[in-house]
Protein backbone atom coordinates (compact mmCIF):
# COMPACT_ATOMS: atom_id res chain seq x y z
CA UNK A 1 -78.75 -35.83 20.86
CA UNK A 2 -81.52 -38.52 21.67
CA UNK A 3 -79.24 -41.98 21.38
CA UNK A 4 -80.46 -45.41 19.98
CA UNK A 5 -81.79 -47.50 23.19
CA UNK A 6 -79.75 -50.66 22.12
CA UNK A 7 -76.40 -48.34 21.70
CA UNK A 8 -76.94 -47.26 25.15
CA UNK A 9 -77.55 -50.51 26.59
CA UNK A 10 -74.47 -51.75 24.91
CA UNK A 11 -72.54 -48.81 26.40
CA UNK A 12 -73.56 -49.40 29.84
CA UNK A 13 -72.37 -53.12 29.02
CA UNK A 14 -69.05 -51.77 28.19
CA UNK A 15 -69.19 -49.66 31.07
CA UNK A 16 -69.70 -52.69 33.20
CA UNK A 17 -66.93 -53.74 31.54
CA UNK A 18 -64.83 -51.30 32.33
CA UNK A 19 -65.44 -50.79 36.45
CA UNK A 20 -64.83 -54.69 36.21
CA UNK A 21 -61.68 -54.32 34.55
CA UNK A 22 -60.23 -50.94 37.06
CA UNK A 23 -61.02 -52.77 40.54
CA UNK A 24 -59.65 -56.69 39.15
CA UNK A 25 -56.41 -54.74 37.34
CA UNK A 26 -56.03 -52.18 40.94
CA UNK A 27 -56.36 -55.19 43.29
CA UNK A 28 -53.71 -57.24 40.78
CA UNK A 29 -51.49 -54.41 41.02
CA UNK A 30 -51.76 -53.92 44.42
CA UNK A 31 -50.84 -57.45 45.29
CA UNK A 32 -47.87 -57.81 42.80
CA UNK A 33 -46.23 -54.65 44.59
CA UNK A 34 -47.69 -56.11 48.08
CA UNK A 35 -45.07 -59.37 46.85
CA UNK A 36 -41.80 -56.73 45.74
CA UNK A 37 -43.02 -57.63 41.87
CA UNK A 38 -42.82 -53.97 41.74
CA UNK A 39 -41.97 -53.80 37.77
CA UNK A 40 -45.12 -56.04 36.72
CA UNK A 41 -47.37 -54.64 39.82
CA UNK A 42 -46.59 -50.96 38.09
CA UNK A 43 -47.73 -52.08 34.61
CA UNK A 44 -50.84 -53.61 36.00
CA UNK A 45 -51.73 -50.33 37.89
CA UNK A 46 -51.19 -48.23 34.49
CA UNK A 47 -53.44 -50.71 33.38
CA UNK A 48 -56.25 -50.20 35.96
CA UNK A 49 -55.29 -45.77 35.35
CA UNK A 50 -56.22 -46.33 31.21
CA UNK A 51 -59.61 -48.58 32.45
CA UNK A 52 -60.43 -45.44 34.68
CA UNK A 53 -60.19 -42.79 31.51
CA UNK A 54 -61.80 -45.50 29.20
CA UNK A 55 -64.75 -46.04 31.92
CA UNK A 56 -64.66 -41.83 31.99
CA UNK A 57 -65.12 -41.53 28.20
CA UNK A 58 -67.77 -44.26 28.21
CA UNK A 59 -70.02 -42.17 30.47
CA UNK A 60 -69.32 -39.04 29.13
CA UNK A 61 -70.77 -40.69 25.35
CA UNK A 62 -73.84 -42.27 27.48
CA UNK A 63 -74.52 -38.75 29.00
CA UNK A 64 -74.45 -37.02 25.78
CA UNK A 65 -76.82 -39.61 24.02
CA UNK A 66 -78.88 -38.22 26.78
CA UNK A 67 -78.74 -41.98 29.06
CA UNK A 68 -78.13 -43.05 32.12
CA UNK A 69 -74.61 -44.12 33.19
CA UNK A 70 -75.13 -47.74 34.89
CA UNK A 71 -72.70 -48.10 37.22
CA UNK A 72 -74.13 -50.26 39.79
CA UNK A 73 -73.22 -53.68 38.59
CA UNK A 74 -69.72 -55.05 38.30
CA UNK A 75 -68.71 -58.25 36.21
CA UNK A 76 -67.06 -61.55 38.03
CA UNK A 77 -63.77 -60.24 38.99
CA UNK A 78 -60.96 -63.11 38.44
CA UNK A 79 -58.57 -62.38 40.51
CA UNK A 80 -55.45 -64.89 40.95
CA UNK A 81 -53.41 -66.40 43.76
CA UNK A 82 -49.84 -66.19 42.23
CA UNK A 83 -48.31 -64.48 39.37
CA UNK A 84 -48.83 -67.12 36.65
CA UNK A 85 -53.26 -66.64 37.99
CA UNK A 86 -53.07 -63.12 37.56
CA UNK A 87 -51.44 -63.09 34.13
CA UNK A 88 -53.95 -65.65 33.19
CA UNK A 89 -56.74 -63.91 34.74
CA UNK A 90 -56.14 -60.55 33.31
CA UNK A 91 -56.32 -62.46 29.89
CA UNK A 92 -59.35 -63.58 30.44
CA UNK A 93 -60.78 -60.73 31.66
CA UNK A 94 -59.70 -58.53 28.47
CA UNK A 95 -60.63 -61.67 25.58
CA UNK A 96 -64.32 -61.20 27.07
CA UNK A 97 -63.97 -57.34 27.34
CA UNK A 98 -62.68 -57.20 23.91
CA UNK A 99 -65.69 -59.66 22.27
CA UNK A 100 -67.99 -57.25 23.75
CA UNK A 101 -66.62 -54.06 22.29
CA UNK A 102 -66.22 -55.69 18.85
CA UNK A 103 -70.39 -56.90 19.03
CA UNK A 104 -70.93 -53.08 20.20
CA UNK A 105 -69.06 -51.65 17.29
CA UNK A 106 -71.10 -54.02 14.79
CA UNK A 107 -74.43 -52.31 16.48
CA UNK A 108 -73.02 -49.21 16.28
CA UNK A 109 -72.27 -49.62 12.37
CA UNK A 110 -75.77 -50.73 12.20
CA UNK A 111 -77.53 -48.39 13.92
CA UNK A 112 -75.45 -45.71 12.20
CA UNK A 113 -74.04 -44.10 15.42
CA UNK A 114 -70.35 -43.74 13.83
CA UNK A 115 -69.62 -41.29 16.89
CA UNK A 116 -69.70 -44.34 19.64
CA UNK A 117 -68.60 -47.03 16.83
CA UNK A 118 -64.84 -44.67 16.43
CA UNK A 119 -64.82 -44.20 20.65
CA UNK A 120 -65.83 -48.23 20.95
CA UNK A 121 -62.78 -48.38 18.12
CA UNK A 122 -60.52 -46.40 20.05
CA UNK A 123 -60.87 -48.63 23.27
CA UNK A 124 -60.10 -51.87 21.54
CA UNK A 125 -57.14 -50.58 20.19
CA UNK A 126 -56.67 -50.18 24.27
CA UNK A 127 -57.49 -53.19 25.35
CA UNK A 128 -55.33 -55.06 22.07
CA UNK A 129 -52.26 -53.01 23.09
CA UNK A 130 -52.78 -54.88 26.94
CA UNK A 131 -53.73 -58.42 25.46
CA UNK A 132 -50.14 -57.95 23.53
CA UNK A 133 -48.16 -57.00 26.22
CA UNK A 134 -49.78 -60.21 28.39
CA UNK A 135 -49.19 -62.38 26.19
CA UNK A 136 -45.60 -61.00 25.77
CA UNK A 137 -45.26 -61.84 29.35
CA UNK A 138 -46.41 -65.51 29.00
CA UNK A 139 -43.70 -65.63 26.05
CA UNK A 140 -41.33 -64.28 28.44
CA UNK A 141 -42.10 -66.82 31.22
CA UNK A 142 -41.77 -69.40 28.23
CA UNK A 143 -38.85 -68.83 27.69
CA UNK A 144 -37.45 -68.22 31.04
CA UNK A 145 -39.55 -69.74 33.91
CA UNK A 146 -41.42 -68.56 36.26
CA UNK A 147 -39.02 -67.77 38.81
CA UNK A 148 -36.21 -65.66 36.18
CA UNK A 149 -39.30 -63.85 35.04
CA UNK A 150 -40.05 -62.98 38.67
CA UNK A 151 -36.83 -61.69 39.35
CA UNK A 152 -37.01 -59.63 36.61
CA UNK A 153 -40.27 -57.86 37.82
CA UNK A 154 -39.02 -57.58 40.91
CA UNK A 155 -37.82 -53.73 40.00
CA UNK A 156 -39.80 -50.71 41.00
CA UNK A 157 -39.85 -49.59 36.96
CA UNK A 158 -42.51 -49.85 34.49
CA UNK A 159 -41.71 -52.86 32.19
């Protein structure tokens, strides 16, 4: 099935965002685990795996629409130097990705590509879930302080 060029361009933009997210979240997860903050590191690592699955879904859609997935480009990685910066960088990336996803949904609606729209809507839900989790972490930090938060997240389990 031949896809609309504008839709394919937006899908490749979303793919670029997902590939960027994979790299940023994976590095953040490894940094956190290296610092002994395994609970937080494991949760961020899970997000990098989710981003990989999301990228895979976008690649499959682009191929189905007879386009070529563009995997050469990555966006800017925002790498935190401490726990607060990591959380802030993750939020910044997710908010930017959500903006692009929402614009792509609008375009798919205009172009009457309802399958791509539905796929992207599912990705929005994945990203919004992670944003909600990040915001909950920021709330905990605000209420308990960074030292207590780090101690809470230093376990190996996922929180």
